[in-house]
Protein backbone atom coordinates (compact mmCIF):
# COMPACT_ATOMS: atom_id res chain seq x y z
CA MET A 1 120.66 20.79 90.56
CA ASP A 2 123.14 21.47 87.80
CA SER A 3 126.58 22.63 88.75
CA ASN A 4 125.72 26.00 87.20
CA PRO A 5 124.60 28.20 90.13
CA ASP A 6 122.79 30.57 87.75
CA CYS A 7 120.59 27.83 86.29
CA HIS A 8 116.86 28.26 86.96
CA ALA A 9 115.19 25.45 88.89
CA TYR A 10 113.32 24.29 85.80
CA GLY A 11 113.39 20.71 87.05
CA GLU A 12 111.56 21.52 90.28
CA THR A 13 107.76 21.62 90.61
CA ALA A 14 107.87 24.45 93.16
CA TYR A 15 109.52 26.73 90.60
CA TRP A 16 106.68 26.23 88.13
CA ASP A 17 103.96 26.65 90.76
CA ARG A 18 105.39 30.04 91.66
CA ARG A 19 105.83 31.02 88.03
CA TYR A 20 102.28 30.08 86.99
CA ASN A 21 100.76 31.92 89.95
CA GLU A 22 102.77 35.03 89.07
CA GLU A 23 101.76 34.82 85.41
CA ARG A 24 98.09 34.51 86.34
CA ARG A 25 98.28 37.57 88.59
CA LYS A 26 99.99 39.59 85.85
CA HIS A 27 98.18 38.36 82.73
CA GLY A 28 94.98 36.64 83.82
CA ILE A 29 93.79 33.05 83.64
CA ASN A 30 93.73 32.94 79.83
CA HIS A 31 97.43 33.74 79.47
CA THR A 32 99.42 31.30 77.32
CA PHE A 33 103.14 30.93 76.77
CA ASP A 34 104.88 28.57 74.36
CA TRP A 35 108.48 27.55 74.81
CA TYR A 36 110.68 27.45 71.70
CA LEU A 37 108.01 27.76 69.00
CA PRO A 38 104.23 27.91 68.55
CA CYS A 39 102.21 24.94 67.36
CA GLU A 40 101.79 26.50 63.91
CA GLU A 41 105.53 26.11 63.26
CA LEU A 42 105.58 22.57 64.62
CA TRP A 43 102.52 21.55 62.64
CA PRO A 44 104.31 20.61 59.35
CA ILE A 45 106.28 17.92 61.19
CA ILE A 46 103.20 16.68 63.06
CA GLN A 47 101.33 16.49 59.77
CA THR A 48 104.20 14.69 58.04
CA TYR A 49 104.22 11.93 60.63
CA CYS A 50 100.50 11.78 61.40
CA GLY A 51 98.87 12.67 58.11
CA VAL A 52 95.33 13.92 58.46
CA ASN A 53 94.28 11.37 61.08
CA LYS A 54 92.73 13.66 63.66
CA GLY A 55 91.25 10.71 65.51
CA PHE A 56 94.62 10.14 67.14
CA LYS A 57 94.90 10.05 70.91
CA VAL A 58 97.36 12.85 71.68
CA LEU A 59 99.42 13.19 74.85
CA VAL A 60 101.30 16.43 75.62
CA LEU A 61 104.00 16.13 78.27
CA GLY A 62 104.69 19.08 80.56
CA CYS A 63 101.93 21.03 78.85
CA GLY A 64 102.30 24.06 81.15
CA SER A 65 100.57 27.18 79.85
CA SER A 66 101.26 26.31 76.20
CA ALA A 67 98.50 26.82 73.65
CA LEU A 68 99.49 23.57 71.90
CA CYS A 69 96.51 21.55 73.16
CA GLU A 70 94.08 24.34 72.28
CA VAL A 71 95.50 24.82 68.79
CA MET A 72 95.39 21.09 68.03
CA TYR A 73 91.84 20.89 69.39
CA ASN A 74 90.79 23.73 67.10
CA MET A 75 92.43 21.87 64.21
CA GLY A 76 90.08 18.96 64.81
CA PHE A 77 91.87 16.67 67.26
CA THR A 78 89.29 15.58 69.83
CA GLN A 79 91.24 13.22 72.11
CA ILE A 80 93.91 15.35 73.76
CA THR A 81 95.45 14.88 77.19
CA GLY A 82 97.85 17.40 78.69
CA ILE A 83 99.83 16.45 81.76
CA ASP A 84 102.00 18.49 84.10
CA LYS A 85 103.45 18.09 87.60
CA SER A 86 102.21 21.53 88.60
CA GLN A 87 98.81 21.36 90.28
CA VAL A 88 98.57 25.13 89.86
CA ILE A 89 98.64 25.15 86.06
CA ILE A 90 96.47 22.05 85.74
CA ALA A 91 93.78 23.68 87.88
CA HIS A 92 93.94 26.75 85.64
CA LEU A 93 93.68 24.64 82.47
CA GLN A 94 90.83 22.51 83.79
CA HIS A 95 88.86 25.68 84.51
CA ARG A 96 89.75 27.35 81.19
CA TYR A 97 88.84 24.38 79.00
CA GLN A 98 86.03 22.85 81.06
CA HIS A 99 83.60 23.05 78.13
CA GLN A 100 85.94 21.52 75.53
CA GLU A 101 84.79 17.90 75.38
CA GLY A 102 87.64 15.53 74.59
CA MET A 103 90.37 17.75 76.03
CA GLU A 104 91.57 16.84 79.52
CA PHE A 105 94.34 17.98 81.83
CA LEU A 106 95.84 15.79 84.54
CA VAL A 107 98.34 16.30 87.33
CA MET A 108 100.91 13.70 86.38
CA ASP A 109 104.65 13.20 86.35
CA ALA A 110 105.87 12.23 82.87
CA THR A 111 108.37 9.86 84.47
CA SER A 112 105.54 7.90 86.10
CA MET A 113 102.44 7.59 83.91
CA SER A 114 100.95 4.46 85.49
CA ARG A 115 97.44 5.86 84.99
CA LEU A 116 97.91 5.48 81.24
CA ASP A 117 97.64 2.05 79.63
CA SER A 118 100.47 0.57 77.62
CA ASN A 119 100.13 0.88 73.82
CA SER A 120 97.26 3.37 74.17
CA ILE A 121 98.56 6.66 72.72
CA ASP A 122 98.95 7.57 69.03
CA LEU A 123 101.05 10.71 69.36
CA VAL A 124 103.19 12.08 72.21
CA ILE A 125 104.57 15.62 72.05
CA GLU A 126 106.90 17.50 74.37
CA LYS A 127 108.44 20.96 74.01
CA GLY A 128 111.14 21.64 76.56
CA CYS A 129 109.91 19.11 79.13
CA ILE A 130 113.00 16.92 78.74
CA ASP A 131 115.22 19.99 78.66
CA SER A 132 113.76 21.09 82.00
CA LEU A 133 114.53 17.70 83.54
CA PHE A 134 118.18 18.22 82.70
CA CYS A 135 118.06 21.23 85.03
CA GLY A 136 117.08 19.06 87.99
CA THR A 137 118.71 16.46 90.19
CA ASN A 138 119.44 12.94 88.95
CA SER A 139 118.58 14.21 85.49
CA TYR A 140 119.95 11.37 83.38
CA ASN A 141 117.88 8.75 85.18
CA HIS A 142 114.75 10.93 85.13
CA VAL A 143 115.09 11.47 81.37
CA LEU A 144 115.59 7.75 80.78
CA THR A 145 112.51 6.93 82.87
CA LEU A 146 110.46 9.49 80.92
CA ASN A 147 111.57 7.97 77.61
CA GLN A 148 110.78 4.47 78.85
CA GLU A 149 107.30 5.57 79.93
CA VAL A 150 106.65 7.26 76.58
CA CYS A 151 107.79 4.15 74.74
CA ARG A 152 105.46 2.07 76.90
CA VAL A 153 102.30 4.13 76.36
CA LEU A 154 102.87 4.66 72.61
CA LYS A 155 101.08 2.32 70.24
CA PRO A 156 103.40 0.32 67.95
CA GLY A 157 104.29 2.32 64.87
CA ARG A 158 103.30 5.62 66.44
CA VAL A 159 105.49 8.66 67.05
CA PHE A 160 106.96 10.68 69.91
CA ILE A 161 107.90 14.25 68.90
CA SER A 162 110.43 16.02 71.10
CA VAL A 163 111.38 19.68 70.65
CA SER A 164 114.67 20.58 72.29
CA CYS A 165 117.55 23.02 72.34
CA GLY A 166 119.84 20.00 72.77
CA ALA A 167 121.85 19.11 69.66
CA GLU A 168 122.07 15.58 68.24
CA ASN A 169 125.29 14.71 70.05
CA ILE A 170 123.67 15.68 73.35
CA ARG A 171 120.17 14.25 73.03
CA ILE A 172 120.38 11.21 70.73
CA PRO A 173 122.39 9.11 73.22
CA HIS A 174 119.51 9.48 75.68
CA PHE A 175 117.01 8.35 73.05
CA SER A 176 119.22 5.35 72.12
CA HIS A 177 119.01 3.30 75.29
CA ARG A 178 118.65 -0.42 74.62
CA THR A 179 115.26 -0.53 76.38
CA LEU A 180 113.76 2.02 73.96
CA HIS A 181 112.24 0.28 70.97
CA TRP A 182 112.05 3.04 68.39
CA GLU A 183 113.78 4.57 65.40
CA ILE A 184 115.19 8.07 65.70
CA ASP A 185 114.88 10.87 63.18
CA HIS A 186 116.05 14.45 63.56
CA ALA A 187 115.33 17.79 61.89
CA ASN A 188 116.60 21.33 62.37
CA VAL A 189 113.85 23.93 62.58
CA PRO A 190 114.20 26.55 59.81
CA GLY A 191 114.56 30.06 61.17
CA ARG A 192 115.08 28.77 64.73
CA ASN A 193 118.80 28.64 65.23
CA GLY A 194 119.80 25.92 67.67
CA LEU A 195 116.33 24.36 67.88
CA HIS A 196 115.91 20.65 67.14
CA VAL A 197 112.99 18.30 66.62
CA TYR A 198 113.39 14.58 67.29
CA MET A 199 110.87 12.12 65.86
CA LEU A 200 110.87 8.69 67.49
CA GLN A 201 108.75 5.98 65.89
CA LYS A 202 108.01 2.98 68.08
CA SER A 203 108.79 -0.44 66.68
CA GLU A 204 105.87 -2.51 65.41
CA GLU A 205 107.52 -5.74 66.52
CA GLU A 206 105.24 -7.67 68.84
CA GLY A 207 106.15 -8.87 72.30
CA LEU A 208 108.64 -6.13 73.12
CA GLU A 209 108.80 -5.24 76.79
CA ILE A 210 110.50 -2.33 78.49
CA ASN A 211 112.70 -3.22 81.44
CA MET A 212 112.24 -0.16 83.65
CA MET A 213 114.93 -1.48 86.00
CA ASP A 214 117.57 -1.26 83.26
CA THR A 215 119.13 2.16 83.73
CA ASP A 216 122.61 1.51 82.32
CA PHE A 217 123.47 3.45 79.20
CA VAL A 218 124.19 1.69 75.91
CA GLY A 219 127.82 0.81 75.33
CA GLU A 220 129.76 -0.64 72.41
CA GLU A 221 130.15 -4.06 74.03
CA ASP A 222 126.39 -4.40 74.55
CA VAL A 223 125.58 -3.51 70.96
CA ASN A 224 128.21 -5.82 69.46
CA ARG A 225 126.77 -8.68 71.49
CA GLU A 226 123.19 -7.95 70.45
CA MET A 227 123.79 -7.15 66.79
CA GLY A 228 123.99 -10.01 64.30
CA GLU A 229 126.93 -10.42 61.95
CA ASP A 230 124.80 -9.15 59.06
CA LYS A 231 124.39 -5.86 60.90
CA GLN A 232 128.03 -5.36 61.78
CA THR A 233 128.47 -3.08 58.79
CA THR A 234 125.69 -0.78 59.99
CA GLU A 235 127.11 2.67 60.56
CA LYS A 236 127.67 3.28 64.26
CA LYS A 237 128.28 6.73 65.60
CA PHE A 238 129.64 7.24 69.08
CA LEU A 239 128.77 10.41 70.87
CA ASN A 240 130.58 11.63 73.92
CA THR A 241 128.21 13.12 76.47
CA GLN A 242 128.84 15.32 79.44
CA GLU A 243 129.85 13.17 82.37
CA LYS A 244 127.24 13.08 85.11
CA ALA A 245 126.05 10.53 87.64
CA ALA A 246 124.85 8.10 84.96
CA GLY A 247 126.91 9.58 82.16
CA GLY A 248 129.19 7.88 79.73
CA GLU A 249 129.21 7.15 76.06
CA GLY A 250 126.05 6.71 74.08
CA LEU A 251 125.67 4.65 70.91
CA VAL A 252 123.37 5.56 68.07
CA ILE A 253 122.10 2.45 66.31
CA VAL A 254 119.52 4.07 64.04
CA ALA A 255 119.62 7.82 63.56
CA ASN A 256 118.46 9.38 60.30
CA VAL A 257 119.52 13.02 60.31
CA ARG A 258 118.07 15.45 57.79
CA ASP A 259 116.90 19.03 57.48
CA GLN A 260 113.19 19.76 57.84
CA GLU A 261 113.11 21.62 54.53
CA ASP A 262 114.42 18.52 52.73
CA LEU A 263 111.85 16.41 54.54
CA LEU A 264 108.94 18.59 53.46
CA ALA A 265 110.28 18.92 49.91
CA ALA A 266 110.58 15.14 49.64
CA MET A 267 107.04 14.78 50.92
CA ALA A 268 105.76 17.23 48.29
CA GLU A 269 107.62 15.31 45.58
CA GLY A 270 106.11 12.03 46.69
CA LYS A 271 109.37 10.55 47.93
CA ILE A 272 107.83 10.29 51.38
CA ARG A 273 104.38 8.82 51.74
CA LEU A 274 102.22 7.94 54.71
CA LEU A 275 100.95 4.39 54.91
CA GLY A 276 98.01 3.16 56.93
CA ASN A 277 100.19 2.81 59.99
CA GLN A 278 101.76 6.23 59.39
CA LYS A 279 105.21 4.66 58.95
CA ILE A 280 107.51 6.75 56.77
CA GLU A 281 108.94 5.27 53.58
CA THR A 282 111.37 7.46 51.80
CA GLY A 283 114.04 7.42 49.17
CA VAL A 284 115.80 10.26 50.94
CA ILE A 285 116.92 8.44 54.08
């Protein structure tokens, strides 16, 4: 666990089993609870990166009792999978949504999604799942493994959306590991002080493989060796992270940081447009 003795055991499955059982006794089986923000507030970012393609295969990590899957299903998405380590909440969700064809809930650890094929998912969303891992043991390695698994199951060119209370200098180093083949974008959520959304678009380059055994964090020496001379002028931003078991210094290679309001305004003005592969082209970043 964290060194903070007052920290809840958010990284432990037993904590969530107890919590979900208590919530069901107090509020009934149809009770929902969304961490950080409801789907309606997250929707503008989802729409910006996914357009109106509701045929996407959607994967929600650590779905818990969130209404996210239900809201997206009601919006027209018909291929939605929610996963969670808690057998308690998955049993509740399977019963609650048993008649919703195309929506499924599986007991699965987001750090080990071997049941899901590589390059099979169009959109991955998590709200607080990564944050909860940081409250558990061996957190840095667990977060890296989760990111590697997400990068593996994502189709090339598709997007992973992560909602977190962790600021850029805390979270971006974890998204910047050399085994993670994606570009990183960031937005602050208007009206939600201290809440961040990270958009990670997987590379469309063919033949990329993820070395799950590589758990060392990116350092300056590694990047200088791998970057060509023509890229040496690329802005590099070093971010000091809290020292833990696998801690150290992270390196951001590609990190476009902007405010969500600017993003949506640019989209309305036509400066951002969605192509067939949903890749963002913009004159803003």
